[in-house]
Amino acid sequence: MDDNGHGTHIAGIIAATRNGKGTVGIAPDAEIYAIKVSDSRGKGSFSVLVKVINWAIENDMDVE
């Protein structure tokens, strides 16, 4: 759940598809995975970010 809309907004900027209806994202062929890093107040920590990145790598997600 995206508590603040920020992640959803950023995902749209990254992966908006080429559908002839508006803006195209910077990586329209990207695969987007929802992984929560910050809490409902938008607060997070570096250690949680590292854990999430490691989890993504361990689950064969291409993290760049």
C-alpha atoms as a PDB file:
ATOM      1  CA  MET A   1       0.000   0.000   0.000  1.00  0.00           C
ATOM      2  CA  ASP A   2       1.420   3.363  -1.014  1.00  0.00           C
ATOM      3  CA  ASP A   3       0.453   5.527   1.954  1.00  0.00           C
ATOM      4  CA  ASN A   4       1.550   8.825   0.435  1.00  0.00           C
ATOM      5  CA  GLY A   5       1.228   8.337  -3.341  1.00  0.00           C
ATOM      6  CA  HIS A   6       4.914   9.069  -3.895  1.00  0.00           C
ATOM      7  CA  GLY A   7       5.914   5.571  -5.007  1.00  0.00           C
ATOM      8  CA  THR A   8       2.948   5.284  -7.334  1.00  0.00           C
ATOM      9  CA  HIS A   9       3.771   8.655  -8.865  1.00  0.00           C
ATOM     10  CA  ILE A  10       7.429   7.720  -9.386  1.00  0.00           C
ATOM     11  CA  ALA A  11       6.475   4.326 -10.860  1.00  0.00           C
ATOM     12  CA  GLY A  12       4.288   6.148 -13.386  1.00  0.00           C
ATOM     13  CA  ILE A  13       7.144   8.443 -14.373  1.00  0.00           C
ATOM     14  CA  ILE A  14       9.426   5.456 -14.837  1.00  0.00           C
ATOM     15  CA  ALA A  15       7.176   2.960 -16.583  1.00  0.00           C
ATOM     16  CA  ALA A  16       4.317   4.793 -18.313  1.00  0.00           C
ATOM     17  CA  THR A  17       3.596   2.771 -21.452  1.00  0.00           C
ATOM     18  CA  ARG A  18       3.679   3.851 -25.080  1.00  0.00           C
ATOM     19  CA  ASN A  19      -0.066   3.782 -25.642  1.00  0.00           C
ATOM     20  CA  GLY A  20      -0.598   6.964 -27.654  1.00  0.00           C
ATOM     21  CA  LYS A  21      -2.590   8.556 -24.836  1.00  0.00           C
ATOM     22  CA  GLY A  22      -0.047  10.798 -23.135  1.00  0.00           C
ATOM     23  CA  THR A  23       3.374  10.827 -21.581  1.00  0.00           C
ATOM     24  CA  VAL A  24       5.800   7.951 -22.104  1.00  0.00           C
ATOM     25  CA  GLY A  25       7.886   6.906 -19.115  1.00  0.00           C
ATOM     26  CA  ILE A  26      11.672   6.973 -19.101  1.00  0.00           C
ATOM     27  CA  ALA A  27      11.720   3.151 -19.131  1.00  0.00           C
ATOM     28  CA  PRO A  28       8.357   2.036 -20.535  1.00  0.00           C
ATOM     29  CA  ASP A  29       9.458  -1.609 -20.790  1.00  0.00           C
ATOM     30  CA  ALA A  30      10.574  -1.786 -17.138  1.00  0.00           C
ATOM     31  CA  GLU A  31       9.041  -4.284 -14.751  1.00  0.00           C
ATOM     32  CA  ILE A  32       7.863  -2.550 -11.571  1.00  0.00           C
ATOM     33  CA  TYR A  33       7.610  -4.345  -8.227  1.00  0.00           C
ATOM     34  CA  ALA A  34       5.917  -2.859  -5.165  1.00  0.00           C
ATOM     35  CA  ILE A  35       8.293  -3.111  -2.221  1.00  0.00           C
ATOM     36  CA  LYS A  36       7.621  -0.948   0.832  1.00  0.00           C
ATOM     37  CA  VAL A  37      10.586   0.934   2.297  1.00  0.00           C
ATOM     38  CA  SER A  38       9.044   3.799   4.285  1.00  0.00           C
ATOM     39  CA  ASP A  39       6.236   3.931   6.824  1.00  0.00           C
ATOM     40  CA  SER A  40       2.906   5.754   6.563  1.00  0.00           C
ATOM     41  CA  ARG A  41       4.609   9.022   7.554  1.00  0.00           C
ATOM     42  CA  GLY A  42       7.168   8.695   4.756  1.00  0.00           C
ATOM     43  CA  LYS A  43       9.972   7.847   7.182  1.00  0.00           C
ATOM     44  CA  GLY A  44      12.465   5.130   6.434  1.00  0.00           C
ATOM     45  CA  SER A  45      15.990   4.083   7.235  1.00  0.00           C
ATOM     46  CA  PHE A  46      19.074   3.178   5.293  1.00  0.00           C
ATOM     47  CA  SER A  47      19.133  -0.269   6.924  1.00  0.00           C
ATOM     48  CA  VAL A  48      15.592  -1.057   5.695  1.00  0.00           C
ATOM     49  CA  LEU A  49      16.509   0.157   2.211  1.00  0.00           C
ATOM     50  CA  VAL A  50      19.529  -2.179   2.164  1.00  0.00           C
ATOM     51  CA  LYS A  51      17.350  -5.103   3.332  1.00  0.00           C
ATOM     52  CA  VAL A  52      14.804  -4.395   0.588  1.00  0.00           C
ATOM     53  CA  ILE A  53      17.480  -4.192  -2.117  1.00  0.00           C
ATOM     54  CA  ASN A  54      19.039  -7.438  -0.904  1.00  0.00           C
ATOM     55  CA  TRP A  55      15.597  -9.106  -0.866  1.00  0.00           C
ATOM     56  CA  ALA A  56      14.987  -7.977  -4.444  1.00  0.00           C
ATOM     57  CA  ILE A  57      18.360  -9.334  -5.590  1.00  0.00           C
ATOM     58  CA  GLU A  58      17.775 -12.646  -3.789  1.00  0.00           C
ATOM     59  CA  ASN A  59      14.422 -12.916  -5.596  1.00  0.00           C
ATOM     60  CA  ASP A  60      16.043 -12.463  -9.015  1.00  0.00           C
ATOM     61  CA  MET A  61      14.854  -8.903  -9.598  1.00  0.00           C
ATOM     62  CA  ASP A  62      17.136  -6.859 -11.814  1.00  0.00           C
ATOM     63  CA  VAL A  63      18.093  -3.931  -9.576  1.00  0.00           C
ATOM     64  CA  GLU A  64      20.002  -1.134 -11.267  1.00  0.00           C
END
